[in-house]
N, C-alpha and C. Protein backbone atom coordinates (compact mmCIF):
# COMPACT_ATOMS: atom_id res chain seq x y z
N ILE A 1 106.22 103.04 106.73
CA ILE A 1 107.64 103.31 106.65
C ILE A 1 108.13 103.59 108.07
N VAL A 2 109.21 102.94 108.44
CA VAL A 2 109.88 103.24 109.70
C VAL A 2 111.28 103.74 109.34
N ASP A 3 111.62 104.91 109.84
CA ASP A 3 112.93 105.50 109.58
C ASP A 3 113.75 105.53 110.85
N LEU A 4 115.05 105.31 110.71
CA LEU A 4 116.00 105.50 111.81
C LEU A 4 117.00 106.54 111.35
N TYR A 5 117.30 107.49 112.21
CA TYR A 5 118.23 108.54 111.83
C TYR A 5 118.86 109.15 113.05
N ASP A 6 119.76 110.06 112.83
CA ASP A 6 120.45 110.80 113.88
C ASP A 6 121.12 109.87 114.89
N PHE A 7 121.87 108.90 114.35
CA PHE A 7 122.62 107.99 115.22
C PHE A 7 123.72 108.74 115.94
N ARG A 8 123.78 108.55 117.25
CA ARG A 8 124.82 109.15 118.10
C ARG A 8 125.29 108.08 119.07
N GLY A 9 126.43 107.50 118.85
CA GLY A 9 126.92 106.45 119.73
C GLY A 9 125.94 105.30 119.75
N ASN A 10 125.38 105.00 120.92
CA ASN A 10 124.44 103.90 121.07
C ASN A 10 122.99 104.37 121.10
N SER A 11 122.69 105.47 120.40
CA SER A 11 121.32 105.96 120.39
C SER A 11 120.95 106.45 118.99
N CYS A 12 119.64 106.56 118.76
CA CYS A 12 119.16 107.07 117.48
C CYS A 12 117.74 107.58 117.66
N GLU A 13 117.19 108.12 116.59
CA GLU A 13 115.82 108.59 116.59
C GLU A 13 115.02 107.75 115.61
N ILE A 14 113.75 107.50 115.96
CA ILE A 14 112.87 106.71 115.11
C ILE A 14 111.71 107.59 114.63
N GLY A 15 111.26 107.33 113.44
CA GLY A 15 110.09 107.99 112.89
C GLY A 15 109.30 106.97 112.09
N TYR A 16 108.05 107.24 111.82
CA TYR A 16 107.22 106.29 111.07
C TYR A 16 106.07 107.02 110.40
N ARG A 17 105.60 106.42 109.33
CA ARG A 17 104.43 106.93 108.60
C ARG A 17 103.61 105.72 108.15
N ILE A 18 102.32 105.84 108.24
CA ILE A 18 101.42 104.78 107.81
C ILE A 18 100.42 105.36 106.82
N ARG A 19 100.21 104.64 105.75
CA ARG A 19 99.22 105.06 104.76
C ARG A 19 97.87 105.28 105.45
N ARG A 20 97.20 106.35 105.11
CA ARG A 20 95.95 106.73 105.77
C ARG A 20 94.96 105.56 105.81
N SER A 21 94.84 104.81 104.74
CA SER A 21 93.87 103.71 104.68
C SER A 21 94.25 102.54 105.59
N CYS A 22 95.48 102.53 106.09
CA CYS A 22 95.94 101.43 106.94
C CYS A 22 96.05 101.82 108.41
N ARG A 23 95.66 103.01 108.74
CA ARG A 23 95.78 103.48 110.12
C ARG A 23 94.74 102.83 111.01
N ARG A 24 94.99 102.93 112.33
CA ARG A 24 94.08 102.42 113.36
C ARG A 24 93.95 100.91 113.35
N GLN A 25 95.02 100.23 112.90
CA GLN A 25 95.04 98.77 112.89
C GLN A 25 96.19 98.21 113.72
N GLY A 26 96.95 99.08 114.35
CA GLY A 26 98.08 98.62 115.16
C GLY A 26 99.36 98.37 114.38
N ILE A 27 99.34 98.70 113.11
CA ILE A 27 100.50 98.43 112.25
C ILE A 27 101.72 99.23 112.69
N ALA A 28 101.55 100.51 112.96
CA ALA A 28 102.69 101.35 113.37
C ALA A 28 103.25 100.86 114.70
N THR A 29 102.37 100.49 115.63
CA THR A 29 102.84 100.00 116.94
C THR A 29 103.66 98.73 116.76
N LYS A 30 103.17 97.80 115.96
CA LYS A 30 103.90 96.54 115.73
C LYS A 30 105.20 96.77 114.96
N ALA A 31 105.16 97.63 113.96
CA ALA A 31 106.37 97.90 113.16
C ALA A 31 107.44 98.57 114.02
N ALA A 32 107.05 99.57 114.81
CA ALA A 32 108.02 100.24 115.68
C ALA A 32 108.57 99.25 116.70
N GLY A 33 107.72 98.39 117.26
CA GLY A 33 108.16 97.39 118.22
C GLY A 33 109.16 96.42 117.61
N ALA A 34 108.93 96.00 116.37
CA ALA A 34 109.85 95.09 115.69
C ALA A 34 111.21 95.76 115.45
N VAL A 35 111.18 97.03 115.08
CA VAL A 35 112.43 97.76 114.86
C VAL A 35 113.18 97.93 116.18
N LEU A 36 112.46 98.22 117.26
CA LEU A 36 113.11 98.35 118.57
C LEU A 36 113.77 97.03 118.98
N ALA A 37 113.10 95.92 118.73
CA ALA A 37 113.67 94.61 119.06
C ALA A 37 114.97 94.38 118.29
N LYS A 38 114.98 94.77 117.03
CA LYS A 38 116.19 94.60 116.22
C LYS A 38 117.29 95.54 116.71
N LEU A 39 116.95 96.75 117.10
CA LEU A 39 117.95 97.68 117.62
C LEU A 39 118.61 97.15 118.89
N ARG A 40 117.84 96.44 119.72
CA ARG A 40 118.43 95.82 120.92
C ARG A 40 119.54 94.85 120.53
N GLU A 41 119.30 94.08 119.47
CA GLU A 41 120.30 93.12 118.98
C GLU A 41 121.60 93.82 118.57
N TYR A 42 121.48 95.05 118.11
CA TYR A 42 122.64 95.83 117.67
C TYR A 42 123.20 96.71 118.77
N GLN A 43 122.79 96.44 120.00
CA GLN A 43 123.32 97.12 121.18
C GLN A 43 122.98 98.61 121.24
N VAL A 44 121.91 99.02 120.56
CA VAL A 44 121.43 100.40 120.72
C VAL A 44 120.79 100.49 122.10
N LYS A 45 121.11 101.51 122.86
CA LYS A 45 120.67 101.61 124.25
C LYS A 45 119.53 102.60 124.47
N GLU A 46 119.38 103.56 123.56
CA GLU A 46 118.36 104.59 123.74
C GLU A 46 117.81 105.00 122.38
N VAL A 47 116.50 105.17 122.32
CA VAL A 47 115.85 105.61 121.08
C VAL A 47 114.98 106.81 121.42
N ARG A 48 115.08 107.83 120.60
CA ARG A 48 114.32 109.06 120.76
C ARG A 48 113.24 109.15 119.68
N ALA A 49 112.19 109.90 119.96
CA ALA A 49 111.14 110.13 118.97
C ALA A 49 110.46 111.45 119.33
N ARG A 50 109.69 111.97 118.39
CA ARG A 50 108.92 113.19 118.66
C ARG A 50 107.68 113.17 117.79
N CYS A 51 106.68 113.87 118.27
CA CYS A 51 105.45 114.00 117.50
C CYS A 51 104.75 115.29 117.91
N GLU A 52 103.88 115.75 117.06
CA GLU A 52 103.11 116.94 117.38
C GLU A 52 102.16 116.63 118.53
N GLU A 53 101.97 117.60 119.36
CA GLU A 53 101.10 117.47 120.53
C GLU A 53 99.70 116.97 120.15
N LYS A 54 99.18 117.44 119.03
CA LYS A 54 97.83 117.06 118.60
C LYS A 54 97.76 115.68 117.96
N ASN A 55 98.90 115.06 117.70
CA ASN A 55 98.92 113.74 117.05
C ASN A 55 98.85 112.64 118.10
N THR A 56 97.67 112.45 118.65
CA THR A 56 97.51 111.48 119.74
C THR A 56 97.75 110.05 119.27
N ALA A 57 97.46 109.75 118.02
CA ALA A 57 97.70 108.39 117.51
C ALA A 57 99.19 108.07 117.54
N SER A 58 100.02 109.00 117.13
CA SER A 58 101.46 108.78 117.15
C SER A 58 101.97 108.67 118.59
N ALA A 59 101.44 109.49 119.48
CA ALA A 59 101.83 109.41 120.89
C ALA A 59 101.48 108.04 121.45
N HIS A 60 100.33 107.48 121.06
CA HIS A 60 99.95 106.15 121.53
C HIS A 60 100.89 105.08 121.00
N VAL A 61 101.34 105.21 119.76
CA VAL A 61 102.31 104.26 119.22
C VAL A 61 103.55 104.24 120.10
N LEU A 62 104.04 105.41 120.45
CA LEU A 62 105.24 105.50 121.29
C LEU A 62 104.98 104.95 122.69
N GLU A 63 103.90 105.36 123.29
CA GLU A 63 103.60 104.92 124.65
C GLU A 63 103.37 103.42 124.71
N ASN A 64 102.76 102.85 123.67
CA ASN A 64 102.56 101.40 123.62
C ASN A 64 103.88 100.64 123.45
N ASN A 65 104.92 101.36 123.05
CA ASN A 65 106.26 100.75 122.93
C ASN A 65 107.18 101.22 124.06
N HIS A 66 106.58 101.65 125.17
CA HIS A 66 107.31 101.98 126.41
C HIS A 66 108.15 103.25 126.35
N PHE A 67 107.86 104.13 125.39
CA PHE A 67 108.52 105.43 125.37
C PHE A 67 107.91 106.29 126.47
N HIS A 68 108.70 107.20 126.99
CA HIS A 68 108.24 108.15 128.00
C HIS A 68 108.45 109.56 127.48
N CYS A 69 107.47 110.41 127.68
CA CYS A 69 107.58 111.81 127.26
C CYS A 69 108.57 112.50 128.20
N ILE A 70 109.59 113.11 127.62
CA ILE A 70 110.63 113.76 128.43
C ILE A 70 110.62 115.27 128.31
N ASP A 71 109.90 115.79 127.31
CA ASP A 71 109.88 117.25 127.13
C ASP A 71 108.72 117.61 126.21
N GLN A 72 108.34 118.88 126.29
CA GLN A 72 107.29 119.42 125.43
C GLN A 72 107.64 120.88 125.15
N ARG A 73 107.86 121.18 123.87
CA ARG A 73 108.19 122.54 123.46
C ARG A 73 107.51 122.86 122.14
N ASN A 74 106.93 124.03 122.07
CA ASN A 74 106.33 124.52 120.82
C ASN A 74 105.39 123.49 120.18
N HIS A 75 104.55 122.88 120.99
CA HIS A 75 103.55 121.90 120.54
C HIS A 75 104.16 120.60 120.02
N ILE A 76 105.40 120.34 120.38
CA ILE A 76 106.06 119.09 120.03
C ILE A 76 106.35 118.31 121.31
N LEU A 77 106.00 117.02 121.30
CA LEU A 77 106.31 116.14 122.42
C LEU A 77 107.58 115.36 122.09
N TYR A 78 108.50 115.29 123.03
CA TYR A 78 109.76 114.57 122.86
C TYR A 78 109.75 113.34 123.75
N TYR A 79 110.05 112.20 123.16
CA TYR A 79 110.00 110.93 123.85
C TYR A 79 111.36 110.22 123.81
N GLU A 80 111.54 109.28 124.74
CA GLU A 80 112.69 108.38 124.67
C GLU A 80 112.34 107.07 125.34
N VAL A 81 113.07 106.05 124.96
CA VAL A 81 112.95 104.73 125.59
C VAL A 81 114.37 104.18 125.75
N LYS A 82 114.60 103.55 126.89
CA LYS A 82 115.87 102.86 127.14
C LYS A 82 115.67 101.41 126.75
N LEU A 83 116.59 100.88 125.99
CA LEU A 83 116.48 99.47 125.56
C LEU A 83 117.33 98.56 126.42
């Protein structure tokens, strides 16, 4: 599941969940990348995301899609990417 929410002007936040049995196959990375490509078509300029500090798999999904960590508070990493 890929969710988009918190739209503000030309930006939004993305979230995703992958069934446990389907993890570690690159599915989340590809799905998030496909959604980002579609958001570019709709003139979205910035996408935000966050994940728990200990969730290294989710951080890799974001980093593989060119997100950059912009903040870290209370064990939460905050990311963004410019499209």
